Amino acid sequence: MAIDVGDRMPAFTLEDEAGNAVSRGDFAGSRLMVGVSPDPPSSNARFKKKEGLNFPLLSDEGHRLASDLGAWGAKKNYGKEYEGLIRSTFVVGPDGILEAAYRNVRATGHVTRLVGELLGAD
């Protein structure tokens, strides 16, 4: 069963877009927003630069963290079912507790919507 808002973020160590090992403990004491992708770090680096993101994009090529977060599972496209990434963004509080979970989002407009909701920007 996937964790939900109010649950503790599961332990993990994954590579960020720069290839650095990142663990849950690296974010202790800070509010955390993380993107998780099955793509390799180099793809995440290109996406981060293109979109001007200022938070880590973690590479979860084995889908372990994505599965724990409920971001990997059954998808349907043009009538075909398959397993894949359920595009998601997570915000973790300074105490390691999941504050927000945005699952099954569309890429277009997602970052703008997050900025508005999380930072109160227009």
N, C-alpha and C. Protein backbone atom coordinates (compact mmCIF):
# COMPACT_ATOMS: atom_id res chain seq x y z
N MET A 1 0.84 -1.17 0.00
CA MET A 1 0.00 0.00 0.00
C MET A 1 0.89 1.24 0.00
N ALA A 2 0.53 2.22 -0.79
CA ALA A 2 1.30 3.45 -0.92
C ALA A 2 1.14 4.33 0.31
N ILE A 3 2.19 5.08 0.61
CA ILE A 3 2.07 6.03 1.71
C ILE A 3 1.18 7.18 1.26
N ASP A 4 0.67 7.92 2.24
CA ASP A 4 -0.22 9.02 1.94
C ASP A 4 0.15 10.20 2.81
N VAL A 5 -0.50 11.33 2.58
CA VAL A 5 -0.26 12.53 3.36
C VAL A 5 -0.40 12.18 4.84
N GLY A 6 0.57 12.62 5.64
CA GLY A 6 0.60 12.32 7.06
C GLY A 6 1.50 11.16 7.43
N ASP A 7 1.90 10.36 6.44
CA ASP A 7 2.81 9.24 6.68
C ASP A 7 4.26 9.70 6.57
N ARG A 8 5.15 8.94 7.20
CA ARG A 8 6.59 9.23 7.10
C ARG A 8 7.09 8.78 5.74
N MET A 9 7.92 9.61 5.15
CA MET A 9 8.54 9.29 3.86
C MET A 9 9.40 8.04 4.04
N PRO A 10 9.31 7.07 3.13
CA PRO A 10 10.13 5.86 3.27
C PRO A 10 11.62 6.18 3.07
N ALA A 11 12.46 5.37 3.66
CA ALA A 11 13.90 5.52 3.47
C ALA A 11 14.23 5.23 2.01
N PHE A 12 15.18 5.99 1.46
CA PHE A 12 15.61 5.78 0.09
C PHE A 12 17.01 6.35 -0.10
N THR A 13 17.70 5.84 -1.10
CA THR A 13 18.92 6.43 -1.62
C THR A 13 18.85 6.27 -3.13
N LEU A 14 18.77 7.41 -3.82
CA LEU A 14 18.67 7.44 -5.28
C LEU A 14 19.61 8.50 -5.82
N GLU A 15 19.88 8.45 -7.11
CA GLU A 15 20.71 9.48 -7.74
C GLU A 15 19.84 10.65 -8.17
N ASP A 16 20.35 11.86 -7.92
CA ASP A 16 19.66 13.04 -8.43
C ASP A 16 20.08 13.29 -9.88
N GLU A 17 19.61 14.38 -10.44
CA GLU A 17 19.88 14.69 -11.85
C GLU A 17 21.36 14.90 -12.16
N ALA A 18 22.16 15.17 -11.13
CA ALA A 18 23.60 15.36 -11.31
C ALA A 18 24.39 14.07 -11.03
N GLY A 19 23.68 12.99 -10.68
CA GLY A 19 24.34 11.72 -10.40
C GLY A 19 24.79 11.56 -8.96
N ASN A 20 24.41 12.50 -8.09
CA ASN A 20 24.76 12.43 -6.68
C ASN A 20 23.80 11.53 -5.92
N ALA A 21 24.32 10.73 -5.00
CA ALA A 21 23.47 9.90 -4.15
C ALA A 21 22.71 10.80 -3.19
N VAL A 22 21.40 10.62 -3.14
CA VAL A 22 20.53 11.42 -2.27
C VAL A 22 19.71 10.47 -1.42
N SER A 23 19.69 10.72 -0.11
CA SER A 23 18.92 9.89 0.81
C SER A 23 17.90 10.75 1.55
N ARG A 24 16.92 10.10 2.12
CA ARG A 24 15.91 10.81 2.89
C ARG A 24 16.55 11.69 3.96
N GLY A 25 17.57 11.19 4.63
CA GLY A 25 18.23 11.95 5.68
C GLY A 25 18.88 13.25 5.22
N ASP A 26 19.18 13.36 3.93
CA ASP A 26 19.77 14.59 3.40
C ASP A 26 18.82 15.78 3.52
N PHE A 27 17.55 15.52 3.70
CA PHE A 27 16.55 16.58 3.74
C PHE A 27 16.02 16.84 5.14
N ALA A 28 16.60 16.19 6.15
CA ALA A 28 16.12 16.34 7.52
C ALA A 28 16.16 17.81 7.92
N GLY A 29 15.06 18.27 8.49
CA GLY A 29 14.99 19.64 8.98
C GLY A 29 14.58 20.66 7.94
N SER A 30 14.28 20.23 6.71
CA SER A 30 13.85 21.17 5.68
C SER A 30 12.59 20.67 5.01
N ARG A 31 11.81 21.61 4.48
CA ARG A 31 10.62 21.25 3.72
C ARG A 31 11.10 20.75 2.36
N LEU A 32 10.55 19.67 1.89
CA LEU A 32 11.10 18.97 0.71
C LEU A 32 10.06 18.73 -0.37
N MET A 33 10.40 19.11 -1.61
CA MET A 33 9.62 18.75 -2.78
C MET A 33 10.57 18.01 -3.71
N VAL A 34 10.19 16.80 -4.13
CA VAL A 34 11.05 15.95 -4.93
C VAL A 34 10.26 15.37 -6.09
N GLY A 35 10.86 15.37 -7.27
CA GLY A 35 10.30 14.65 -8.40
C GLY A 35 10.96 13.29 -8.46
N VAL A 36 10.20 12.26 -8.76
CA VAL A 36 10.75 10.91 -8.87
C VAL A 36 10.44 10.41 -10.27
N SER A 37 11.48 9.88 -10.94
CA SER A 37 11.33 9.45 -12.32
C SER A 37 12.06 8.14 -12.54
N PRO A 38 11.54 7.28 -13.43
CA PRO A 38 12.29 6.07 -13.77
C PRO A 38 13.41 6.36 -14.77
N ASP A 39 13.50 7.60 -15.23
CA ASP A 39 14.52 7.98 -16.21
C ASP A 39 15.89 8.09 -15.56
N PRO A 40 16.95 7.94 -16.35
CA PRO A 40 18.30 8.09 -15.81
C PRO A 40 18.59 9.54 -15.45
N PRO A 41 19.60 9.77 -14.61
CA PRO A 41 19.92 11.13 -14.19
C PRO A 41 20.14 12.11 -15.35
N SER A 42 20.76 11.67 -16.43
CA SER A 42 21.01 12.58 -17.56
C SER A 42 19.71 13.11 -18.17
N SER A 43 18.69 12.27 -18.27
CA SER A 43 17.38 12.72 -18.78
C SER A 43 16.74 13.69 -17.80
N ASN A 44 16.85 13.38 -16.51
CA ASN A 44 16.29 14.28 -15.50
C ASN A 44 16.98 15.63 -15.52
N ALA A 45 18.30 15.64 -15.77
CA ALA A 45 19.05 16.90 -15.83
C ALA A 45 18.55 17.76 -16.98
N ARG A 46 18.32 17.16 -18.14
CA ARG A 46 17.80 17.93 -19.29
C ARG A 46 16.41 18.48 -18.98
N PHE A 47 15.54 17.66 -18.38
CA PHE A 47 14.20 18.10 -18.05
C PHE A 47 14.23 19.24 -17.03
N LYS A 48 15.07 19.10 -16.01
CA LYS A 48 15.17 20.12 -14.97
C LYS A 48 15.62 21.45 -15.56
N LYS A 49 16.60 21.40 -16.44
CA LYS A 49 17.09 22.64 -17.07
C LYS A 49 16.02 23.24 -17.96
N LYS A 50 15.39 22.44 -18.77
CA LYS A 50 14.35 22.92 -19.70
C LYS A 50 13.21 23.60 -18.96
N GLU A 51 12.79 23.01 -17.84
CA GLU A 51 11.64 23.52 -17.09
C GLU A 51 12.04 24.55 -16.03
N GLY A 52 13.34 24.73 -15.80
CA GLY A 52 13.80 25.70 -14.81
C GLY A 52 13.43 25.31 -13.39
N LEU A 53 13.47 24.03 -13.10
CA LEU A 53 13.08 23.54 -11.78
C LEU A 53 14.17 23.80 -10.75
N ASN A 54 13.78 24.04 -9.52
CA ASN A 54 14.75 24.31 -8.46
C ASN A 54 14.68 23.27 -7.34
N PHE A 55 14.22 22.08 -7.66
CA PHE A 55 14.18 20.99 -6.69
C PHE A 55 14.75 19.74 -7.34
N PRO A 56 15.20 18.79 -6.53
CA PRO A 56 15.83 17.59 -7.09
C PRO A 56 14.86 16.71 -7.86
N LEU A 57 15.38 16.11 -8.91
CA LEU A 57 14.66 15.07 -9.65
C LEU A 57 15.45 13.79 -9.45
N LEU A 58 14.85 12.85 -8.78
CA LEU A 58 15.54 11.62 -8.43
C LEU A 58 15.26 10.52 -9.44
N SER A 59 16.29 9.77 -9.75
CA SER A 59 16.19 8.68 -10.71
C SER A 59 15.91 7.38 -9.96
N ASP A 60 14.75 6.82 -10.23
CA ASP A 60 14.30 5.59 -9.58
C ASP A 60 14.10 4.52 -10.65
N GLU A 61 15.20 4.15 -11.29
CA GLU A 61 15.11 3.22 -12.42
C GLU A 61 14.57 1.85 -12.02
N GLY A 62 14.69 1.47 -10.75
CA GLY A 62 14.17 0.18 -10.29
C GLY A 62 12.74 0.27 -9.77
N HIS A 63 12.18 1.46 -9.72
CA HIS A 63 10.79 1.74 -9.33
C HIS A 63 10.47 1.48 -7.87
N ARG A 64 11.49 1.27 -7.03
CA ARG A 64 11.22 0.93 -5.63
C ARG A 64 10.53 2.09 -4.89
N LEU A 65 11.12 3.29 -4.96
CA LEU A 65 10.51 4.43 -4.27
C LEU A 65 9.17 4.79 -4.91
N ALA A 66 9.13 4.77 -6.23
CA ALA A 66 7.87 5.08 -6.92
C ALA A 66 6.77 4.13 -6.47
N SER A 67 7.09 2.86 -6.32
CA SER A 67 6.09 1.89 -5.84
C SER A 67 5.66 2.21 -4.42
N ASP A 68 6.63 2.51 -3.54
CA ASP A 68 6.30 2.86 -2.15
C ASP A 68 5.40 4.09 -2.08
N LEU A 69 5.58 5.02 -3.02
CA LEU A 69 4.81 6.27 -3.03
C LEU A 69 3.49 6.15 -3.79
N GLY A 70 3.26 5.01 -4.40
CA GLY A 70 2.05 4.86 -5.21
C GLY A 70 2.16 5.56 -6.54
N ALA A 71 3.39 5.71 -7.03
CA ALA A 71 3.63 6.40 -8.28
C ALA A 71 4.07 5.44 -9.39
N TRP A 72 3.91 4.16 -9.15
CA TRP A 72 4.19 3.15 -10.18
C TRP A 72 3.06 2.16 -10.15
N GLY A 73 2.47 1.90 -11.31
CA GLY A 73 1.37 0.96 -11.33
C GLY A 73 0.72 0.86 -12.69
N ALA A 74 -0.49 0.31 -12.68
CA ALA A 74 -1.22 0.07 -13.92
C ALA A 74 -1.64 1.38 -14.57
N LYS A 75 -1.42 1.44 -15.88
CA LYS A 75 -1.81 2.59 -16.69
C LYS A 75 -2.53 2.07 -17.91
N LYS A 76 -3.30 2.94 -18.52
CA LYS A 76 -4.03 2.55 -19.72
C LYS A 76 -3.85 3.66 -20.76
N ASN A 77 -3.47 3.26 -21.97
CA ASN A 77 -3.29 4.21 -23.05
C ASN A 77 -3.79 3.58 -24.35
N TYR A 78 -4.72 4.25 -25.00
CA TYR A 78 -5.31 3.74 -26.23
C TYR A 78 -5.81 2.31 -26.08
N GLY A 79 -6.43 2.04 -24.93
CA GLY A 79 -7.02 0.73 -24.67
C GLY A 79 -6.04 -0.35 -24.23
N LYS A 80 -4.75 -0.04 -24.19
CA LYS A 80 -3.75 -1.02 -23.76
C LYS A 80 -3.37 -0.74 -22.32
N GLU A 81 -3.32 -1.81 -21.51
CA GLU A 81 -2.89 -1.67 -20.12
C GLU A 81 -1.43 -2.09 -19.99
N TYR A 82 -0.69 -1.35 -19.16
CA TYR A 82 0.71 -1.64 -18.92
C TYR A 82 1.12 -1.04 -17.59
N GLU A 83 2.27 -1.46 -17.07
CA GLU A 83 2.83 -0.91 -15.84
C GLU A 83 3.71 0.28 -16.22
N GLY A 84 3.61 1.35 -15.45
CA GLY A 84 4.43 2.51 -15.74
C GLY A 84 4.38 3.53 -14.63
N LEU A 85 5.10 4.61 -14.84
CA LEU A 85 5.15 5.71 -13.88
C LEU A 85 3.85 6.48 -13.92
N ILE A 86 3.32 6.73 -12.76
CA ILE A 86 2.17 7.60 -12.60
C ILE A 86 2.75 8.94 -12.19
N ARG A 87 2.81 9.88 -13.14
CA ARG A 87 3.51 11.15 -12.91
C ARG A 87 3.05 11.77 -11.60
N SER A 88 4.01 12.04 -10.72
CA SER A 88 3.70 12.48 -9.36
C SER A 88 4.75 13.44 -8.84
N THR A 89 4.34 14.27 -7.89
CA THR A 89 5.24 15.15 -7.16
C THR A 89 4.87 15.06 -5.70
N PHE A 90 5.88 15.07 -4.81
CA PHE A 90 5.65 14.93 -3.39
C PHE A 90 6.33 16.05 -2.63
N VAL A 91 5.68 16.53 -1.57
CA VAL A 91 6.24 17.55 -0.69
C VAL A 91 6.36 16.93 0.69
N VAL A 92 7.59 16.97 1.22
CA VAL A 92 7.88 16.35 2.52
C VAL A 92 8.29 17.44 3.49
N GLY A 93 7.70 17.43 4.67
CA GLY A 93 8.00 18.43 5.69
C GLY A 93 9.32 18.18 6.38
N PRO A 94 9.74 19.14 7.21
CA PRO A 94 11.02 19.03 7.91
C PRO A 94 11.12 17.83 8.85
N ASP A 95 9.98 17.29 9.23
CA ASP A 95 9.96 16.13 10.11
C ASP A 95 9.91 14.80 9.35
N GLY A 96 10.02 14.88 8.00
CA GLY A 96 10.00 13.67 7.18
C GLY A 96 8.61 13.15 6.88
N ILE A 97 7.59 13.93 7.22
CA ILE A 97 6.20 13.54 7.00
C ILE A 97 5.72 14.10 5.66
N LEU A 98 5.03 13.28 4.90
CA LEU A 98 4.50 13.70 3.61
C LEU A 98 3.41 14.74 3.82
N GLU A 99 3.64 15.95 3.30
CA GLU A 99 2.68 17.06 3.44
C GLU A 99 1.71 17.13 2.27
N ALA A 100 2.18 16.76 1.08
CA ALA A 100 1.33 16.83 -0.10
C ALA A 100 1.75 15.77 -1.09
N ALA A 101 0.78 15.21 -1.77
CA ALA A 101 1.03 14.22 -2.80
C ALA A 101 0.19 14.59 -4.01
N TYR A 102 0.86 14.81 -5.12
CA TYR A 102 0.20 15.13 -6.38
C TYR A 102 0.45 13.93 -7.30
N ARG A 103 -0.58 13.10 -7.45
CA ARG A 103 -0.43 11.88 -8.24
C ARG A 103 -1.26 12.00 -9.51
N ASN A 104 -0.77 11.31 -10.54
CA ASN A 104 -1.47 11.24 -11.82
C ASN A 104 -1.72 12.63 -12.40
N VAL A 105 -0.66 13.45 -12.40
CA VAL A 105 -0.77 14.82 -12.92
C VAL A 105 -0.32 14.87 -14.36
N ARG A 106 -0.77 15.90 -15.05
CA ARG A 106 -0.32 16.16 -16.41
C ARG A 106 0.88 17.10 -16.34
N ALA A 107 1.84 16.89 -17.21
CA ALA A 107 3.05 17.71 -17.20
C ALA A 107 2.73 19.18 -17.49
N THR A 108 1.89 19.43 -18.46
CA THR A 108 1.57 20.79 -18.85
C THR A 108 0.89 21.54 -17.71
N GLY A 109 1.52 22.61 -17.27
CA GLY A 109 0.95 23.46 -16.24
C GLY A 109 1.18 23.00 -14.81
N HIS A 110 1.77 21.81 -14.63
CA HIS A 110 1.91 21.26 -13.28
C HIS A 110 2.84 22.12 -12.42
N VAL A 111 3.98 22.51 -12.94
CA VAL A 111 4.92 23.31 -12.16
C VAL A 111 4.30 24.64 -11.77
N THR A 112 3.64 25.29 -12.70
CA THR A 112 2.99 26.58 -12.42
C THR A 112 1.95 26.41 -11.32
N ARG A 113 1.17 25.36 -11.40
CA ARG A 113 0.14 25.10 -10.39
C ARG A 113 0.79 24.85 -9.02
N LEU A 114 1.89 24.10 -8.99
CA LEU A 114 2.58 23.84 -7.73
C LEU A 114 3.09 25.13 -7.11
N VAL A 115 3.70 25.97 -7.91
CA VAL A 115 4.22 27.24 -7.39
C VAL A 115 3.08 28.04 -6.76
N GLY A 116 1.95 28.09 -7.44
CA GLY A 116 0.81 28.82 -6.90
C GLY A 116 0.29 28.24 -5.60
N GLU A 117 0.17 26.92 -5.54
CA GLU A 117 -0.37 26.29 -4.34
C GLU A 117 0.61 26.30 -3.18
N LEU A 118 1.87 26.05 -3.45
CA LEU A 118 2.84 25.90 -2.38
C LEU A 118 3.45 27.22 -1.92
N LEU A 119 3.55 28.17 -2.83
CA LEU A 119 4.19 29.44 -2.48
C LEU A 119 3.22 30.61 -2.47
N GLY A 120 1.99 30.35 -2.84
CA GLY A 120 0.99 31.42 -2.86
C GLY A 120 1.23 32.43 -3.97
N ALA A 121 1.97 32.04 -5.02
CA ALA A 121 2.25 32.94 -6.12
C ALA A 121 1.08 32.95 -7.10
N ASP A 122 1.00 33.99 -7.86
CA ASP A 122 -0.05 34.10 -8.89
C ASP A 122 0.39 33.49 -10.18
